[in-house]
N, C-alpha and C. Protein backbone atom coordinates (compact mmCIF):
# COMPACT_ATOMS: atom_id res chain seq x y z
N MET A 1 58.69 -28.37 24.45
CA MET A 1 57.98 -29.09 23.63
C MET A 1 56.57 -28.08 23.40
N LEU A 2 56.23 -28.47 24.98
CA LEU A 2 55.22 -27.20 25.25
C LEU A 2 54.82 -26.22 24.69
N LYS A 3 56.30 -25.29 25.21
CA LYS A 3 56.36 -23.80 24.66
C LYS A 3 56.59 -23.77 22.79
N LYS A 4 56.97 -24.70 21.81
CA LYS A 4 57.39 -24.97 21.00
C LYS A 4 55.77 -24.85 20.25
N LYS A 5 55.28 -25.40 20.76
CA LYS A 5 53.31 -25.24 20.42
C LYS A 5 52.70 -24.19 20.64
N LEU A 6 53.06 -23.84 21.87
CA LEU A 6 52.37 -22.54 21.93
C LEU A 6 52.89 -21.69 21.46
N ARG A 7 54.35 -21.37 20.85
CA ARG A 7 54.28 -20.18 20.07
C ARG A 7 53.73 -19.91 18.60
N PRO A 8 53.43 -20.29 17.93
CA PRO A 8 52.35 -20.47 16.91
C PRO A 8 51.14 -19.97 17.36
N ARG A 9 50.69 -20.35 18.28
CA ARG A 9 49.25 -20.33 18.28
C ARG A 9 49.14 -18.55 19.34
N ILE A 10 50.65 -18.14 20.34
CA ILE A 10 49.75 -17.20 21.36
C ILE A 10 50.74 -16.12 19.25
N LYS A 11 51.54 -16.54 18.05
CA LYS A 11 51.63 -15.14 17.47
C LYS A 11 50.22 -14.66 16.63
N ALA A 12 49.66 -16.25 16.45
CA ALA A 12 48.95 -15.93 15.90
C ALA A 12 47.27 -15.01 16.71
N ARG A 13 47.46 -15.54 17.53
CA ARG A 13 46.54 -14.47 18.95
C ARG A 13 47.13 -13.04 18.28
N LEU A 14 48.00 -13.04 18.51
CA LEU A 14 48.28 -11.83 18.15
C LEU A 14 48.52 -10.88 16.94
N ARG A 15 48.68 -11.83 15.52
CA ARG A 15 48.70 -11.15 14.85
C ARG A 15 46.76 -10.50 14.50
N LYS A 16 46.18 -11.97 15.29
CA LYS A 16 44.42 -10.89 14.88
C LYS A 16 44.36 -10.33 15.45
N MET A 17 44.64 -9.70 16.80
CA MET A 17 44.45 -9.03 18.13
C MET A 17 44.77 -7.86 16.91
N GLY A 18 45.86 -7.65 16.36
CA GLY A 18 46.59 -6.81 15.62
C GLY A 18 45.76 -6.37 14.46
N LEU A 19 45.16 -7.18 13.76
CA LEU A 19 44.25 -7.00 13.09
C LEU A 19 42.67 -6.45 13.37
N LYS A 20 42.88 -6.64 14.87
CA LYS A 20 41.29 -5.89 15.31
C LYS A 20 41.50 -4.77 15.22
N LYS A 21 42.78 -4.39 16.12
CA LYS A 21 42.81 -3.44 16.12
C LYS A 21 42.90 -2.06 14.81
N LYS A 22 42.97 -2.47 13.55
CA LYS A 22 42.90 -1.77 12.57
C LYS A 22 41.67 -2.10 12.06
N LEU A 23 40.90 -3.12 12.41
CA LEU A 23 39.65 -3.53 11.07
C LEU A 23 38.48 -2.47 12.47
N ARG A 24 39.02 -2.01 13.81
CA ARG A 24 37.26 -1.28 14.16
C ARG A 24 37.51 0.17 13.65
N PRO A 25 38.49 1.08 13.84
CA PRO A 25 38.18 2.07 13.27
C PRO A 25 37.28 2.14 11.86
N ARG A 26 37.58 0.93 11.69
CA ARG A 26 36.81 1.17 9.56
C ARG A 26 34.97 0.99 10.24
N ILE A 27 34.93 -0.45 10.93
CA ILE A 27 34.25 -1.04 11.58
C ILE A 27 32.93 0.48 11.95
N LYS A 28 33.85 1.06 13.28
CA LYS A 28 32.90 2.64 13.49
C LYS A 28 31.84 3.28 12.49
N ALA A 29 33.66 2.88 11.51
CA ALA A 29 33.41 4.51 10.37
C ALA A 29 32.11 3.62 9.42
N ARG A 30 32.41 2.33 9.40
CA ARG A 30 30.92 2.08 8.20
C ARG A 30 29.68 2.11 9.34
N ILE A 31 29.99 1.69 10.50
CA ILE A 31 28.16 2.53 11.45
C ILE A 31 27.67 3.44 11.11
N ARG A 32 28.87 4.62 11.38
CA ARG A 32 28.51 6.08 11.43
C ARG A 32 27.84 5.79 10.08
N ILE A 33 28.68 6.07 9.35
CA ILE A 33 27.90 6.04 7.82
C ILE A 33 26.60 5.26 6.91
N ASN A 34 26.60 4.20 8.25
CA ASN A 34 24.84 3.43 7.73
C ASN A 34 23.91 3.90 8.39
N LYS A 35 24.25 4.55 9.22
CA LYS A 35 23.51 5.76 10.34
C LYS A 35 22.76 7.02 9.78
N GLN A 36 24.05 7.33 9.28
CA GLN A 36 23.73 8.64 8.34
C GLN A 36 22.42 8.47 7.03
N ILE A 37 22.72 7.21 6.43
CA ILE A 37 21.96 6.68 5.40
C ILE A 37 20.34 6.49 5.83
N LEU A 38 20.53 5.56 6.57
CA LEU A 38 19.37 4.96 7.02
C LEU A 38 18.84 6.30 7.76
N GLY A 39 19.24 7.51 8.71
CA GLY A 39 18.25 8.41 8.91
C GLY A 39 18.03 9.74 7.31
N LYS A 40 19.08 9.72 6.55
CA LYS A 40 18.29 10.34 5.66
C LYS A 40 17.40 9.98 4.67
N ASN A 41 17.36 8.12 5.20
CA ASN A 41 15.96 8.04 4.14
C ASN A 41 14.87 7.96 4.89
N ILE A 42 15.44 7.56 6.03
CA ILE A 42 13.02 8.52 7.07
C ILE A 42 13.22 9.39 7.24
N ASP A 43 14.56 10.66 7.10
CA ASP A 43 13.73 12.28 6.91
C ASP A 43 12.81 12.36 5.15
N ASN A 44 13.08 11.19 4.41
CA ASN A 44 13.16 11.52 2.56
C ASN A 44 11.63 11.09 2.75
N PHE A 45 11.42 9.70 3.51
CA PHE A 45 10.22 8.93 4.07
C PHE A 45 9.05 9.81 4.14
N PHE A 46 10.07 10.39 5.92
CA PHE A 46 8.72 11.04 5.95
C PHE A 46 8.32 12.47 5.36
N ASP A 47 9.24 13.09 4.47
CA ASP A 47 9.20 14.42 3.40
C ASP A 47 7.93 14.11 3.23
N TRP A 48 8.00 13.32 2.17
CA TRP A 48 6.71 12.66 0.62
C TRP A 48 6.07 12.18 1.48
N VAL A 49 6.39 11.31 2.86
CA VAL A 49 4.95 11.14 3.13
C VAL A 49 3.60 12.25 4.01
N LYS A 50 4.83 13.74 4.37
CA LYS A 50 3.89 14.71 4.78
C LYS A 50 3.24 15.61 3.85
N GLY A 51 4.23 15.54 2.54
CA GLY A 51 4.11 16.49 1.30
C GLY A 51 3.28 15.71 0.29
N ALA A 52 2.58 14.80 0.34
CA ALA A 52 1.78 14.27 -0.22
C ALA A 52 0.36 14.48 -0.20
N GLU A 53 -0.46 14.52 -1.17
CA GLU A 53 -2.31 14.51 -1.10
C GLU A 53 -2.94 13.53 -1.95
N LEU A 54 -3.60 13.30 -1.64
CA LEU A 54 -4.71 12.06 -2.34
C LEU A 54 -5.81 13.22 -3.08
N VAL A 55 -5.73 13.37 -4.54
CA VAL A 55 -5.87 13.58 -5.64
C VAL A 55 -7.05 12.84 -6.31
N GLU A 56 -8.39 13.01 -6.89
CA GLU A 56 -9.18 12.50 -8.41
C GLU A 56 -8.61 12.18 -9.70
N LEU A 57 -7.82 11.26 -10.34
CA LEU A 57 -7.54 11.37 -11.43
C LEU A 57 -8.78 11.29 -12.54
N LYS A 58 -8.43 11.92 -13.62
CA LYS A 58 -9.43 11.19 -15.02
C LYS A 58 -9.11 9.91 -15.41
N LYS A 59 -7.73 9.63 -14.97
CA LYS A 59 -6.91 8.73 -15.51
C LYS A 59 -6.07 8.11 -15.25
N CYS A 60 -5.68 6.81 -15.48
CA CYS A 60 -4.27 5.84 -14.86
C CYS A 60 -3.21 4.96 -15.76
N ASN A 61 -2.76 4.67 -15.56
CA ASN A 61 -1.75 4.06 -16.72
C ASN A 61 -2.15 2.38 -16.29
N THR A 62 -2.68 1.92 -16.52
CA THR A 62 -3.81 0.62 -16.58
C THR A 62 -2.91 -0.77 -16.58
N LYS A 63 -1.44 -0.18 -17.66
CA LYS A 63 0.01 -0.91 -17.42
C LYS A 63 0.11 -1.14 -16.42
N ASP A 64 0.26 -0.07 -15.51
CA ASP A 64 0.74 -0.49 -14.02
C ASP A 64 0.48 -0.81 -12.90
N ASP A 65 -1.08 -1.11 -13.18
CA ASP A 65 -2.21 -2.25 -12.36
C ASP A 65 -1.97 -3.63 -12.23
N PRO A 66 -1.13 -4.11 -10.91
CA PRO A 66 -0.77 -5.22 -10.65
C PRO A 66 -1.81 -6.43 -10.71
N ILE A 67 -3.01 -6.16 -10.44
CA ILE A 67 -4.36 -6.78 -10.58
C ILE A 67 -5.33 -7.01 -11.17
N ARG A 68 -5.59 -5.93 -11.54
CA ARG A 68 -6.51 -6.19 -12.58
C ARG A 68 -6.08 -4.58 -13.84
N PRO A 69 -4.81 -5.09 -14.77
CA PRO A 69 -4.70 -4.51 -15.56
C PRO A 69 -5.98 -4.84 -17.23
N GLU A 70 -6.91 -5.40 -17.10
CA GLU A 70 -7.77 -5.53 -17.84
C GLU A 70 -8.26 -4.65 -18.08
N LEU A 71 -8.80 -4.07 -17.13
CA LEU A 71 -10.30 -2.62 -16.47
C LEU A 71 -9.86 -1.54 -17.43
N ASP A 72 -10.05 -1.17 -17.90
CA ASP A 72 -9.66 0.51 -19.25
C ASP A 72 -9.83 1.37 -18.20
N ASN A 73 -9.96 2.64 -18.46
CA ASN A 73 -9.96 3.81 -18.33
C ASN A 73 -11.38 4.21 -17.70
N VAL A 74 -12.03 3.57 -19.26
CA VAL A 74 -13.49 3.43 -19.07
C VAL A 74 -14.36 3.24 -18.73
N PHE A 75 -13.82 1.95 -18.59
CA PHE A 75 -14.71 1.22 -16.71
C PHE A 75 -14.31 1.88 -15.34
N ARG A 76 -12.84 2.43 -15.07
CA ARG A 76 -12.61 2.90 -13.84
C ARG A 76 -13.94 4.33 -13.05
N ARG A 77 -13.95 4.85 -14.42
CA ARG A 77 -14.74 6.17 -14.61
C ARG A 77 -15.90 5.68 -15.23
N SER A 78 -16.16 4.78 -14.99
CA SER A 78 -18.38 5.18 -15.61
C SER A 78 -18.92 4.77 -14.29
N TYR A 79 -20.14 5.36 -14.46
CA TYR A 79 -21.50 4.55 -13.36
C TYR A 79 -20.59 5.31 -11.53
N GLY A 80 -20.26 6.31 -11.69
CA GLY A 80 -20.34 6.44 -10.29
C GLY A 80 -18.83 6.21 -9.58
N ARG A 81 -17.93 5.33 -10.83
CA ARG A 81 -16.54 4.55 -9.97
C ARG A 81 -15.50 5.87 -10.72
N ARG A 82 -14.09 5.72 -9.61
CA ARG A 82 -13.85 7.29 -9.44
C ARG A 82 -12.80 5.89 -9.02
N ILE A 83 -10.95 6.87 -9.70
CA ILE A 83 -9.94 6.53 -9.48
C ILE A 83 -9.29 8.28 -8.68
N TYR A 84 -7.96 6.82 -7.97
CA TYR A 84 -7.86 7.76 -6.52
C TYR A 84 -6.73 8.06 -6.53
N GLY A 85 -5.25 9.08 -6.53
CA GLY A 85 -3.95 8.62 -6.49
C GLY A 85 -3.37 10.21 -4.96
N VAL A 86 -1.98 9.38 -4.66
CA VAL A 86 -1.82 10.15 -4.04
C VAL A 86 -0.78 10.43 -4.17
N LYS A 87 -0.04 11.75 -5.04
CA LYS A 87 0.25 13.07 -5.70
C LYS A 87 2.05 13.36 -4.82
N TYR A 88 2.40 13.11 -5.67
CA TYR A 88 3.87 14.02 -4.60
C TYR A 88 4.90 14.74 -5.57
N MET A 89 5.29 16.36 -5.29
CA MET A 89 5.80 16.63 -6.53
C MET A 89 5.69 16.04 -8.08
N GLY A 90 4.20 17.01 -7.88
CA GLY A 90 3.76 16.25 -9.19
C GLY A 90 4.06 15.07 -10.35
N GLU A 91 4.05 13.68 -9.03
CA GLU A 91 4.15 12.93 -9.63
C GLU A 91 2.97 11.63 -9.09
N ILE A 92 2.37 10.90 -9.51
CA ILE A 92 1.22 10.32 -8.92
C ILE A 92 2.43 8.76 -8.23
N HIS A 93 2.75 8.70 -6.94
CA HIS A 93 3.33 7.60 -6.01
C HIS A 93 2.53 6.29 -5.87
N ALA A 94 0.68 6.40 -5.89
CA ALA A 94 -0.22 5.56 -5.50
C ALA A 94 -1.49 5.39 -6.12
N VAL A 95 -2.07 4.42 -6.57
CA VAL A 95 -3.33 4.50 -6.83
C VAL A 95 -4.22 3.69 -6.51
N MET A 96 -5.45 3.96 -6.40
CA MET A 96 -6.37 2.83 -5.52
C MET A 96 -7.83 3.67 -6.86
N CYS A 97 -8.62 2.33 -7.09
CA CYS A 97 -10.06 2.69 -7.39
C CYS A 97 -10.97 2.43 -6.86
N PHE A 98 -11.95 2.81 -6.87
CA PHE A 98 -13.11 2.36 -6.22
C PHE A 98 -13.83 2.08 -7.01
N ALA A 99 -15.58 1.74 -6.66
CA ALA A 99 -16.75 1.48 -7.62
C ALA A 99 -17.60 1.58 -5.92
N TYR A 100 -18.59 2.62 -5.77
CA TYR A 100 -19.35 2.97 -5.31
C TYR A 100 -21.18 1.87 -4.97
N THR A 101 -21.44 1.09 -4.33
CA THR A 101 -22.29 0.54 -4.43
C THR A 101 -23.18 -0.31 -3.42
N ASN A 102 -24.45 -0.33 -3.44
CA ASN A 102 -24.80 -1.03 -1.68
C ASN A 102 -25.02 -2.11 -0.98
N GLU A 103 -24.21 -3.11 -1.97
CA GLU A 103 -24.24 -4.58 -2.17
C GLU A 103 -22.67 -5.10 -2.38
N ILE A 104 -22.13 -6.04 -0.80
CA ILE A 104 -20.96 -5.94 -1.95
C ILE A 104 -20.91 -7.31 -2.99
N PRO A 105 -20.12 -6.86 -3.41
CA PRO A 105 -19.14 -8.31 -4.55
C PRO A 105 -18.70 -8.62 -4.51
N LYS A 106 -19.20 -10.24 -5.15
CA LYS A 106 -17.46 -11.60 -5.20
C LYS A 106 -16.55 -11.64 -6.27
N ASN A 107 -16.88 -10.52 -6.84
CA ASN A 107 -16.06 -10.75 -8.20
C ASN A 107 -16.63 -9.49 -9.46
N VAL A 108 -15.64 -9.44 -10.27
CA VAL A 108 -15.74 -8.30 -11.13
C VAL A 108 -17.25 -7.72 -11.86
N ASP A 109 -18.34 -8.68 -12.42
CA ASP A 109 -18.72 -8.71 -12.70
C ASP A 109 -19.94 -8.16 -12.49
N GLU A 110 -19.91 -8.88 -10.54
CA GLU A 110 -20.75 -8.55 -9.55
C GLU A 110 -20.66 -7.04 -9.50
N LEU A 111 -19.14 -6.83 -9.50
CA LEU A 111 -18.98 -5.23 -9.05
C LEU A 111 -19.73 -4.25 -10.10
N ASP A 112 -18.92 -4.61 -12.17
CA ASP A 112 -20.03 -4.11 -12.45
C ASP A 112 -21.41 -3.52 -12.51
N LYS A 113 -22.43 -4.76 -11.97
CA LYS A 113 -23.48 -5.11 -11.66
C LYS A 113 -23.83 -4.02 -10.48
N PHE A 114 -23.36 -4.21 -9.45
CA PHE A 114 -24.18 -3.50 -8.67
C PHE A 114 -23.34 -2.22 -8.70
N SER A 115 -22.99 -1.43 -9.42
CA SER A 115 -21.78 -0.09 -9.23
C SER A 115 -23.11 0.75 -9.50
N HIS A 116 -23.49 -0.34 -11.09
CA HIS A 116 -24.37 0.14 -12.19
C HIS A 116 -25.41 0.27 -11.14
N ASP A 117 -25.95 -0.74 -10.83
CA ASP A 117 -27.31 0.18 -10.40
C ASP A 117 -27.55 0.60 -9.07
N ALA A 118 -26.46 1.08 -8.64
CA ALA A 118 -26.65 2.24 -7.11
C ALA A 118 -26.40 3.05 -7.47
N PHE A 119 -26.23 3.69 -9.12
CA PHE A 119 -25.70 4.89 -10.33
C PHE A 119 -27.24 4.90 -10.46
N LEU A 120 -27.32 3.71 -11.21
CA LEU A 120 -29.04 4.77 -11.37
C LEU A 120 -30.12 4.55 -10.93
N GLN A 121 -29.99 4.69 -9.56
CA GLN A 121 -31.10 4.54 -8.35
C GLN A 121 -30.35 5.76 -7.54
N SER A 122 -29.42 5.83 -7.67
CA SER A 122 -28.45 7.47 -6.87
C SER A 122 -29.79 8.97 -8.12
N ALA A 123 -29.43 8.39 -9.42
CA ALA A 123 -29.93 8.95 -10.53
C ALA A 123 -31.37 9.70 -10.31
N GLN A 124 -32.46 8.64 -10.00
CA GLN A 124 -33.75 8.69 -10.17
C GLN A 124 -33.93 8.85 -8.69
N ARG A 125 -33.55 9.11 -7.70
CA ARG A 125 -33.86 9.20 -6.02
C ARG A 125 -33.10 10.77 -6.56
N ASP A 126 -32.50 11.14 -6.26
CA ASP A 126 -30.85 12.17 -6.34
C ASP A 126 -30.19 12.14 -5.61
N GLN A 127 -29.67 11.18 -5.01
CA GLN A 127 -29.01 10.33 -4.11
C GLN A 127 -27.85 10.39 -4.67
N ASN A 128 -26.59 10.39 -3.64
CA ASN A 128 -25.39 10.23 -3.88
C ASN A 128 -25.34 8.98 -4.32
N VAL A 129 -24.19 8.23 -5.49
CA VAL A 129 -23.75 7.15 -5.85
C VAL A 129 -23.17 5.86 -4.35
N GLY A 130 -24.06 5.02 -4.41
CA GLY A 130 -23.76 3.90 -3.15
C GLY A 130 -23.12 4.74 -1.62
N GLN A 131 -23.51 3.27 -1.04
CA GLN A 131 -23.00 3.78 0.43
C GLN A 131 -21.43 2.72 0.89
N ILE A 132 -21.65 2.06 0.48
CA ILE A 132 -20.15 1.31 0.05
C ILE A 132 -19.67 1.30 -0.70
N ALA A 133 -17.94 1.91 -0.36
CA ALA A 133 -16.85 2.18 -1.59
C ALA A 133 -15.81 0.80 -1.63
N ILE A 134 -15.83 0.43 -2.55
CA ILE A 134 -15.69 -0.94 -3.37
C ILE A 134 -13.70 -0.87 -4.04
N ALA A 135 -12.90 -1.02 -3.15
CA ALA A 135 -11.98 -0.55 -3.13
C ALA A 135 -11.10 -2.18 -3.59
N TYR A 136 -11.30 -2.02 -5.62
CA TYR A 136 -11.42 -3.33 -5.92
C TYR A 136 -9.50 -3.61 -6.28
N THR A 137 -8.67 -2.08 -6.94
CA THR A 137 -7.32 -2.42 -6.92
C THR A 137 -6.59 -1.77 -5.99
N VAL A 138 -5.76 -1.59 -6.21
CA VAL A 138 -4.47 -1.11 -5.06
C VAL A 138 -3.34 -0.65 -6.13
N TRP A 139 -2.03 0.03 -6.14
CA TRP A 139 -0.66 -0.37 -6.56
C TRP A 139 0.17 0.83 -5.98
N SER A 140 1.41 0.56 -5.41
CA SER A 140 2.10 1.26 -5.43
C SER A 140 3.37 1.63 -5.89
N LYS A 141 4.24 3.24 -6.71
CA LYS A 141 5.45 2.92 -7.34
C LYS A 141 6.64 3.17 -6.72
N LYS A 142 6.01 4.25 -5.02
CA LYS A 142 7.11 4.54 -3.89
C LYS A 142 6.75 3.78 -2.72
N LYS A 143 7.69 3.33 -1.95
CA LYS A 143 7.55 2.73 -0.61
C LYS A 143 6.52 3.70 0.39
N GLY A 144 5.45 2.33 0.89
CA GLY A 144 5.16 3.51 2.08
C GLY A 144 3.70 4.04 0.97
N GLY A 145 3.48 3.72 -0.62
CA GLY A 145 2.78 4.76 -0.69
C GLY A 145 0.98 4.51 -0.47
N GLY A 146 1.17 2.42 -0.98
CA GLY A 146 0.35 2.27 -0.64
C GLY A 146 -0.92 2.24 0.65
N LYS A 147 0.01 2.17 2.13
CA LYS A 147 -0.08 1.94 3.46
C LYS A 147 -0.72 3.52 3.18
N LEU A 148 0.11 4.34 2.43
CA LEU A 148 -1.25 6.03 2.56
C LEU A 148 -2.22 6.36 1.67
N ILE A 149 -1.82 5.28 1.02
CA ILE A 149 -2.87 5.62 0.50
C ILE A 149 -4.12 5.35 0.53
N VAL A 150 -4.93 4.40 1.76
CA VAL A 150 -5.64 3.72 2.37
C VAL A 150 -5.68 4.96 3.81
N LYS A 151 -4.82 4.96 4.13
CA LYS A 151 -4.78 6.18 4.73
C LYS A 151 -5.76 7.18 4.78
N GLU A 152 -5.15 7.94 3.94
CA GLU A 152 -6.06 8.89 2.95
C GLU A 152 -7.65 9.25 2.68
N VAL A 153 -7.41 7.65 2.03
CA VAL A 153 -9.02 7.25 1.58
C VAL A 153 -9.59 7.41 2.35
N PHE A 154 -9.09 6.71 4.00
CA PHE A 154 -9.67 5.68 4.82
C PHE A 154 -10.95 7.84 5.51
N LYS A 155 -9.91 8.65 4.84
CA LYS A 155 -9.96 10.02 5.91
C LYS A 155 -11.47 10.63 5.41
N LYS A 156 -11.19 10.34 3.98
CA LYS A 156 -11.97 11.54 3.10
C LYS A 156 -13.39 10.18 3.27
N ILE A 157 -12.82 8.85 3.42
CA ILE A 157 -14.99 8.52 3.95
C ILE A 157 -15.24 8.58 5.07
N LYS A 158 -14.85 8.50 5.88
CA LYS A 158 -14.73 8.98 7.32
C LYS A 158 -15.42 10.35 7.04
N LYS A 159 -14.77 11.11 6.21
CA LYS A 159 -15.92 12.33 6.53
C LYS A 159 -16.83 12.34 5.09
N SER A 160 -17.27 11.84 4.75
CA SER A 160 -18.08 11.77 3.97
C SER A 160 -19.54 11.56 4.57
N ASN A 161 -20.62 12.35 4.10
CA ASN A 161 -22.06 12.12 5.17
C ASN A 161 -23.14 10.57 4.77
N TYR A 162 -22.39 10.11 3.21
CA TYR A 162 -23.03 8.97 3.11
C TYR A 162 -22.50 7.87 2.55
N LEU A 163 -21.52 7.89 2.81
CA LEU A 163 -20.23 6.53 2.66
C LEU A 163 -20.67 5.85 4.20
N ASN A 164 -21.07 4.54 4.84
CA ASN A 164 -20.60 3.69 5.72
C ASN A 164 -19.67 2.77 5.67
N ARG A 165 -19.01 2.15 4.69
CA ARG A 165 -18.15 1.24 4.34
C ARG A 165 -17.29 0.98 3.94
N LEU A 166 -16.56 0.79 3.78
CA LEU A 166 -14.34 0.99 2.59
C LEU A 166 -14.43 -0.49 2.60
N VAL A 167 -15.05 -0.73 1.70
CA VAL A 167 -14.93 -2.82 1.58
C VAL A 167 -13.51 -3.60 0.38
N THR A 168 -12.95 -3.72 0.50
CA THR A 168 -12.20 -4.57 -0.92
C THR A 168 -12.67 -5.37 -1.86
N LEU A 169 -12.39 -5.25 -3.11
CA LEU A 169 -12.58 -6.31 -2.84
C LEU A 169 -11.55 -7.38 -4.11
N SER A 170 -10.55 -7.69 -2.96
CA SER A 170 -9.04 -8.24 -2.95
C SER A 170 -8.76 -9.66 -3.71
N PRO A 171 -8.03 -10.13 -4.90
CA PRO A 171 -7.63 -11.33 -4.93
C PRO A 171 -6.88 -11.85 -3.92
N LEU A 172 -6.91 -13.51 -4.47
CA LEU A 172 -6.87 -14.60 -3.44
C LEU A 172 -4.84 -14.07 -3.48
N THR A 173 -4.16 -13.85 -2.95
CA THR A 173 -3.29 -13.89 -2.62
C THR A 173 -2.64 -13.32 -1.50
N GLU A 174 -1.39 -14.27 -0.88
CA GLU A 174 -0.57 -13.67 0.14
C GLU A 174 -0.55 -11.92 0.92
N MET A 175 -0.15 -12.13 -0.58
CA MET A 175 0.30 -10.44 -0.81
C MET A 175 -0.67 -9.32 -0.37
N ALA A 176 -1.99 -9.97 -0.93
CA ALA A 176 -2.94 -8.53 -0.46
C ALA A 176 -3.97 -9.21 0.94
N THR A 177 -3.42 -10.08 1.40
CA THR A 177 -4.12 -10.72 2.71
C THR A 177 -3.12 -9.92 3.53
N LYS A 178 -1.46 -10.12 3.56
CA LYS A 178 -0.98 -9.45 4.47
C LYS A 178 -1.18 -7.52 4.57
N PHE A 179 -1.17 -6.93 2.97
CA PHE A 179 -1.10 -5.81 3.04
C PHE A 179 -2.25 -5.19 3.95
N HIS A 180 -3.54 -6.26 3.91
CA HIS A 180 -4.52 -4.92 4.06
C HIS A 180 -4.91 -5.86 5.89
N SER A 181 -4.32 -6.90 6.42
CA SER A 181 -4.35 -6.55 7.36
C SER A 181 -3.41 -6.26 8.09
N LYS A 182 -1.99 -5.67 7.52
CA LYS A 182 -1.30 -4.89 8.13
C LYS A 182 -2.25 -3.44 8.35
N ASN A 183 -2.74 -3.22 7.56
CA ASN A 183 -3.43 -1.82 7.51
C ASN A 183 -4.44 -1.57 8.14
N GLY A 184 -5.46 -2.44 9.63
CA GLY A 184 -6.28 -3.26 10.04
C GLY A 184 -6.97 -3.21 9.13
N ALA A 185 -7.34 -3.90 8.55
CA ALA A 185 -8.53 -4.43 7.95
C ALA A 185 -8.87 -5.96 8.33
N LYS A 186 -10.59 -6.06 8.68
CA LYS A 186 -10.46 -7.68 8.25
C LYS A 186 -11.66 -8.17 7.86
N LEU A 187 -10.90 -9.15 7.58
CA LEU A 187 -10.95 -10.29 6.14
C LEU A 187 -12.56 -10.62 7.02
N ILE A 188 -13.61 -10.17 6.20
CA ILE A 188 -15.15 -10.78 6.32
C ILE A 188 -15.82 -12.18 5.01
N ARG A 189 -15.48 -12.55 4.35
CA ARG A 189 -15.75 -13.03 3.46
C ARG A 189 -14.11 -13.75 2.13
N VAL A 190 -14.41 -15.21 1.73
CA VAL A 190 -13.46 -15.45 1.35
C VAL A 190 -14.45 -16.18 -0.11
N ASN A 191 -14.69 -15.57 -1.34
CA ASN A 191 -15.17 -16.15 -2.44
C ASN A 191 -14.42 -17.13 -3.18
N GLU A 192 -15.29 -17.10 -4.77
CA GLU A 192 -13.97 -18.52 -5.45
C GLU A 192 -13.10 -17.77 -5.52
N LYS A 193 -12.77 -16.53 -6.01
CA LYS A 193 -11.09 -16.27 -6.67
C LYS A 193 -11.29 -14.91 -6.45
N THR A 194 -12.13 -13.98 -5.59
CA THR A 194 -11.74 -13.33 -4.16
C THR A 194 -11.98 -12.97 -3.27
N GLN A 195 -11.10 -12.08 -2.19
CA GLN A 195 -11.39 -12.23 -0.84
C GLN A 195 -12.12 -10.54 -0.28
N ASN A 196 -13.34 -10.60 0.21
CA ASN A 196 -13.13 -9.06 1.19
C ASN A 196 -12.86 -8.28 2.32
N PHE A 197 -12.74 -7.10 2.16
CA PHE A 197 -11.62 -7.35 3.92
C PHE A 197 -12.38 -6.33 4.34
N GLU A 198 -12.45 -5.54 5.06
CA GLU A 198 -13.15 -3.96 5.39
C GLU A 198 -12.89 -3.62 6.59
N TYR A 199 -12.17 -2.48 6.03
CA TYR A 199 -11.83 -1.06 7.00
C TYR A 199 -13.07 -0.38 7.68
N LYS A 200 -12.65 -0.75 8.99
CA LYS A 200 -14.07 -0.49 9.72
C LYS A 200 -13.63 1.48 9.74
N VAL A 201 -15.24 2.16 9.68
CA VAL A 201 -15.23 3.28 9.70
C VAL A 201 -16.19 2.92 10.61
N ILE A 202 -15.51 3.96 11.76
CA ILE A 202 -16.08 5.09 12.65
C ILE A 202 -17.28 6.47 13.44
């Protein structure tokens, strides 16, 4: 009686073992293919990161801006404000917009006013525009683009002989908090509708 009960189980176990033997080569092949794909993706990523360059832009597609699409290119280029992009193989893959001020703004109205004031002061005194670079929007079309543009802009500011702070005017979102925190920025102020992070310029 016991033998009769055990036989179906033994047969099922043997069938399962046979199936495993058949599946093993397929699993190994799939692992090899996945490793190759992963390796290729990593190579492609490093190729584009190494080949990318930071360029100043005369305009950007404001519709692509997920943070402040309402700000037109006239605003982004007035009173010493700048648009920077990460360029690779003739295409712009990430964008960051700046205003140069002498104070940290809490909102776009203050950003406009402070950058306007800094621009007029610099014109009167024949100096560079503002000592603080305020990054008020950033977006990326390619994986790693956001992190790369922060890194490249950071290097540019460190080389500057007049800019001493890199501060953001970021939305109150978890995505913005994670992005800047991951890239080494410190939260310095939470406002009514925005937050300011600072990247330490040494």
